[in-house]
Protein backbone atom coordinates (compact mmCIF):
# COMPACT_ATOMS: atom_id res chain seq x y z
CA MET A 1 -3.12 16.86 18.56
CA ILE A 2 -5.87 14.07 17.52
CA LYS A 3 -6.74 16.55 14.25
CA PHE A 4 -2.52 16.23 13.40
CA LEU A 5 -3.29 12.79 14.10
CA LYS A 6 -6.22 11.66 12.40
CA ASN A 7 -4.88 13.82 8.83
CA LEU A 8 -1.28 11.84 9.83
CA PHE A 9 -2.35 8.88 8.91
CA ASN A 10 -4.86 10.02 5.61
CA GLY A 11 -1.60 9.88 4.59
CA PHE A 12 -0.65 6.72 5.07
CA ILE A 13 -4.35 5.39 3.81
CA ILE A 14 -3.47 7.35 0.83
CA ALA A 15 0.28 6.71 0.28
CA GLY A 16 -0.95 3.32 0.70
CA ILE A 17 -3.51 3.27 -1.91
CA ILE A 18 -1.05 4.42 -3.73
CA ILE A 19 2.36 2.66 -3.45
CA PHE A 20 -0.49 -0.86 -3.74
CA LEU A 21 -1.46 1.00 -7.08
CA ILE A 22 2.01 1.44 -8.16
CA GLY A 23 2.23 -2.63 -7.24
CA VAL A 24 -0.20 -3.56 -9.71
CA ASP A 25 0.48 -1.08 -11.75
CA TYR A 26 4.54 -3.04 -12.54
CA TRP A 27 2.32 -6.61 -11.70
CA MET A 28 -0.06 -6.63 -14.24
CA PHE A 29 0.95 -3.63 -17.19
CA ARG A 30 4.39 -4.42 -16.20
CA ALA A 31 5.41 -7.41 -16.07
CA GLY A 32 2.86 -8.23 -17.80
CA ILE A 33 1.98 -11.88 -19.55
CA PRO A 34 5.40 -13.26 -20.35
CA TYR A 35 6.09 -14.78 -24.19
CA GLN A 36 5.41 -19.28 -24.34
CA ASP A 37 9.14 -19.46 -24.99
CA PRO A 38 10.79 -16.04 -23.95
CA PRO A 39 15.06 -15.37 -24.30
CA MET A 40 16.18 -15.91 -21.09
CA ASP A 41 16.71 -12.17 -20.42
CA LEU A 42 13.44 -11.76 -21.61
CA GLN A 43 12.56 -14.23 -18.70
CA ILE A 44 14.50 -12.63 -15.79
CA GLN A 45 13.99 -9.12 -16.73
CA TYR A 46 9.32 -10.55 -16.35
CA ALA A 47 10.81 -12.11 -12.82
CA VAL A 48 12.27 -9.10 -11.84
CA ASP A 49 9.33 -6.81 -12.93
CA GLN A 50 7.14 -9.30 -10.83
CA GLY A 51 9.22 -9.03 -8.52
CA ILE A 52 9.22 -5.24 -7.26
CA GLY A 53 4.74 -5.68 -8.03
CA ASP A 54 4.42 -8.17 -5.41
CA THR A 55 6.93 -6.15 -3.01
CA LEU A 56 4.89 -2.77 -3.65
CA MET A 57 1.49 -4.36 -3.30
CA SER A 58 2.81 -6.00 0.57
CA VAL A 59 4.05 -2.77 1.05
CA GLY A 60 1.26 -0.40 0.01
CA PHE A 61 -1.55 -2.93 1.77
CA GLU A 62 0.68 -2.92 5.09
CA VAL A 63 1.55 0.82 4.77
CA GLY A 64 -3.03 1.37 4.92
CA ILE A 65 -4.07 -0.66 7.59
CA ILE A 66 -1.29 0.80 10.11
CA GLY A 67 -2.85 3.53 8.65
CA VAL A 68 -6.61 2.21 8.48
CA VAL A 69 -6.13 0.81 12.69
CA SER A 70 -4.63 3.60 13.66
CA ARG A 71 -7.31 6.44 12.29
CA ILE A 72 -9.73 4.12 14.44
CA VAL A 73 -7.86 4.36 17.49
CA THR A 74 -7.61 7.60 17.62
CA ALA A 75 -11.59 7.75 16.47
CA ILE A 76 -11.74 5.76 19.95
CA ILE A 77 -9.83 7.50 22.53
CA GLY A 78 -11.36 10.83 20.80
CA ARG A 79 -14.16 9.87 21.36
CA ARG A 80 -13.88 8.58 25.18
CA LYS A 81 -11.71 12.58 25.12
CA VAL A 82 -15.24 13.96 24.85
CA LYS A 83 -17.48 12.24 27.03
CA GLN A 84 -15.05 12.93 30.38
CA VAL A 85 -15.62 16.40 28.93
């Protein structure tokens, strides 16, 4: 059971990293640096892409942190069970 949980939480860590990197892609490359005086439709598209990037980065970071904390807790629980035997 502990091994299953470790693998599950490793998946959370990897998923968090991937989601974070997709957010960085949206934030830096898709939104990019806007033109000096862009038309209104480009301003709207820039704001949308930047918002998507911000959301994806924060969700990816949160999922990664949940995975890391859960993995640490699982490691501590796994060590305690071994010592009791």
